[in-house]
Amino acid sequence: MKDAEGKVVDVDYALLDLWQPQQNNLKVPVDRGRVRGGVRFTDEGLRRGLYGIAEVLDGIVLVQKGLPSKPEVLSGWSKLWQEIEPLMK
């Protein structure tokens, strides 16, 4: 994950707000680059086995270092990913 200055940092937890980009009535535009970055971080962490998803709830994703993801949680992530994919373009 990168901090606000673009430096790579190691984190134990990450929280992705993917609920907000799905809302059509927002007053402030969503930074789609940050959304894409969070999704890439999560996908890469899962692929490399460094991170797991602790919970997916109402578009909010809790990612935890060293945690094996439960199948039902990965299913929730996959469903959410499919919902937000068009918004990341």
C-alpha atoms as a PDB file:
ATOM      1  CA  MET A   1       0.000   0.000   0.000  1.00  0.00           C
ATOM      2  CA  LYS A   2       1.167   3.556  -0.635  1.00  0.00           C
ATOM      3  CA  ASP A   3       0.792   6.503   1.688  1.00  0.00           C
ATOM      4  CA  ALA A   4      -0.307   9.999   0.658  1.00  0.00           C
ATOM      5  CA  GLU A   5       3.239  10.779  -0.500  1.00  0.00           C
ATOM      6  CA  GLY A   6       3.393   7.687  -2.689  1.00  0.00           C
ATOM      7  CA  LYS A   7       5.789   5.747  -0.452  1.00  0.00           C
ATOM      8  CA  VAL A   8       5.180   2.014  -0.075  1.00  0.00           C
ATOM      9  CA  VAL A   9       4.177   1.157   3.486  1.00  0.00           C
ATOM     10  CA  ASP A  10       3.492  -2.129   5.228  1.00  0.00           C
ATOM     11  CA  VAL A  11       0.133  -2.240   6.999  1.00  0.00           C
ATOM     12  CA  ASP A  12      -1.571  -4.796   9.222  1.00  0.00           C
ATOM     13  CA  TYR A  13      -5.089  -3.711   8.253  1.00  0.00           C
ATOM     14  CA  ALA A  14      -6.719  -1.831   5.397  1.00  0.00           C
ATOM     15  CA  LEU A  15     -10.286  -0.623   5.083  1.00  0.00           C
ATOM     16  CA  LEU A  16     -11.725  -0.126   1.608  1.00  0.00           C
ATOM     17  CA  ASP A  17     -14.833   2.005   1.218  1.00  0.00           C
ATOM     18  CA  LEU A  18     -16.401   0.656  -1.956  1.00  0.00           C
ATOM     19  CA  TRP A  19     -19.886   1.692  -0.898  1.00  0.00           C
ATOM     20  CA  GLN A  20     -19.273   5.347  -1.697  1.00  0.00           C
ATOM     21  CA  PRO A  21     -18.351   4.910  -5.387  1.00  0.00           C
ATOM     22  CA  GLN A  22     -21.599   2.993  -5.926  1.00  0.00           C
ATOM     23  CA  GLN A  23     -23.727   5.978  -4.868  1.00  0.00           C
ATOM     24  CA  ASN A  24     -24.991   8.114  -7.739  1.00  0.00           C
ATOM     25  CA  ASN A  25     -26.035  11.091  -5.628  1.00  0.00           C
ATOM     26  CA  LEU A  26     -22.691  12.091  -4.109  1.00  0.00           C
ATOM     27  CA  LYS A  27     -21.942  15.801  -3.780  1.00  0.00           C
ATOM     28  CA  VAL A  28     -18.169  15.238  -4.013  1.00  0.00           C
ATOM     29  CA  PRO A  29     -16.623  13.243  -6.859  1.00  0.00           C
ATOM     30  CA  VAL A  30     -14.982   9.952  -5.916  1.00  0.00           C
ATOM     31  CA  ASP A  31     -11.265   9.578  -6.625  1.00  0.00           C
ATOM     32  CA  ARG A  32     -11.483   6.571  -8.905  1.00  0.00           C
ATOM     33  CA  GLY A  33      -7.689   6.218  -8.919  1.00  0.00           C
ATOM     34  CA  ARG A  34      -7.718   5.630  -5.170  1.00  0.00           C
ATOM     35  CA  VAL A  35     -10.532   3.102  -5.569  1.00  0.00           C
ATOM     36  CA  ARG A  36      -8.561   1.257  -8.249  1.00  0.00           C
ATOM     37  CA  GLY A  37      -5.447   1.365  -6.044  1.00  0.00           C
ATOM     38  CA  GLY A  38      -7.303  -0.132  -3.080  1.00  0.00           C
ATOM     39  CA  VAL A  39      -8.778  -2.885  -5.213  1.00  0.00           C
ATOM     40  CA  ARG A  40      -5.376  -3.654  -6.764  1.00  0.00           C
ATOM     41  CA  PHE A  41      -3.785  -3.745  -3.286  1.00  0.00           C
ATOM     42  CA  THR A  42      -6.426  -6.211  -2.110  1.00  0.00           C
ATOM     43  CA  ASP A  43      -6.249  -8.416  -5.203  1.00  0.00           C
ATOM     44  CA  GLU A  44      -2.442  -8.509  -5.098  1.00  0.00           C
ATOM     45  CA  GLY A  45      -2.393  -9.254  -1.358  1.00  0.00           C
ATOM     46  CA  LEU A  46      -4.835 -12.101  -1.851  1.00  0.00           C
ATOM     47  CA  ARG A  47      -2.942 -13.485  -4.841  1.00  0.00           C
ATOM     48  CA  ARG A  48       0.381 -13.436  -2.981  1.00  0.00           C
ATOM     49  CA  GLY A  49      -1.155 -14.847   0.206  1.00  0.00           C
ATOM     50  CA  LEU A  50      -0.011 -11.869   2.279  1.00  0.00           C
ATOM     51  CA  TYR A  51      -3.473 -10.566   3.117  1.00  0.00           C
ATOM     52  CA  GLY A  52      -6.917 -11.984   3.574  1.00  0.00           C
ATOM     53  CA  ILE A  53     -10.333 -10.424   3.715  1.00  0.00           C
ATOM     54  CA  ALA A  54     -11.741 -10.419   7.225  1.00  0.00           C
ATOM     55  CA  GLU A  55     -15.171  -9.020   6.319  1.00  0.00           C
ATOM     56  CA  VAL A  56     -17.233  -7.563   3.489  1.00  0.00           C
ATOM     57  CA  LEU A  57     -20.239  -5.623   4.714  1.00  0.00           C
ATOM     58  CA  ASP A  58     -22.342  -3.067   2.843  1.00  0.00           C
ATOM     59  CA  GLY A  59     -19.536  -2.193   0.431  1.00  0.00           C
ATOM     60  CA  ILE A  60     -16.896  -1.891   3.150  1.00  0.00           C
ATOM     61  CA  VAL A  61     -13.995  -4.356   2.996  1.00  0.00           C
ATOM     62  CA  LEU A  62     -11.671  -5.123   5.921  1.00  0.00           C
ATOM     63  CA  VAL A  63      -8.342  -6.560   4.746  1.00  0.00           C
ATOM     64  CA  GLN A  64      -5.961  -8.092   7.284  1.00  0.00           C
ATOM     65  CA  LYS A  65      -2.339  -9.152   6.969  1.00  0.00           C
ATOM     66  CA  GLY A  66      -1.693 -12.874   7.456  1.00  0.00           C
ATOM     67  CA  LEU A  67      -5.365 -13.822   7.605  1.00  0.00           C
ATOM     68  CA  PRO A  68      -6.695 -16.696   5.523  1.00  0.00           C
ATOM     69  CA  SER A  69      -9.962 -15.632   3.901  1.00  0.00           C
ATOM     70  CA  LYS A  70     -13.039 -17.751   4.478  1.00  0.00           C
ATOM     71  CA  PRO A  71     -14.760 -18.964   1.283  1.00  0.00           C
ATOM     72  CA  GLU A  72     -17.990 -17.100   2.077  1.00  0.00           C
ATOM     73  CA  VAL A  73     -16.061 -13.852   2.582  1.00  0.00           C
ATOM     74  CA  LEU A  74     -14.197 -14.338  -0.714  1.00  0.00           C
ATOM     75  CA  SER A  75     -17.553 -14.898  -2.373  1.00  0.00           C
ATOM     76  CA  GLY A  76     -18.744 -11.549  -0.985  1.00  0.00           C
ATOM     77  CA  TRP A  77     -15.559  -9.873  -2.265  1.00  0.00           C
ATOM     78  CA  SER A  78     -16.044 -11.387  -5.712  1.00  0.00           C
ATOM     79  CA  LYS A  79     -19.636 -10.169  -5.875  1.00  0.00           C
ATOM     80  CA  LEU A  80     -18.664  -6.666  -4.754  1.00  0.00           C
ATOM     81  CA  TRP A  81     -15.752  -6.612  -7.214  1.00  0.00           C
ATOM     82  CA  GLN A  82     -18.136  -7.373 -10.078  1.00  0.00           C
ATOM     83  CA  GLU A  83     -20.454  -4.567  -8.937  1.00  0.00           C
ATOM     84  CA  ILE A  84     -17.723  -1.941  -8.773  1.00  0.00           C
ATOM     85  CA  GLU A  85     -15.702  -2.984 -11.836  1.00  0.00           C
ATOM     86  CA  PRO A  86     -17.624  -0.707 -14.233  1.00  0.00           C
ATOM     87  CA  LEU A  87     -17.074   2.216 -11.838  1.00  0.00           C
ATOM     88  CA  MET A  88     -13.300   1.808 -11.955  1.00  0.00           C
ATOM     89  CA  LYS A  89     -13.008   2.568 -15.665  1.00  0.00           C
END
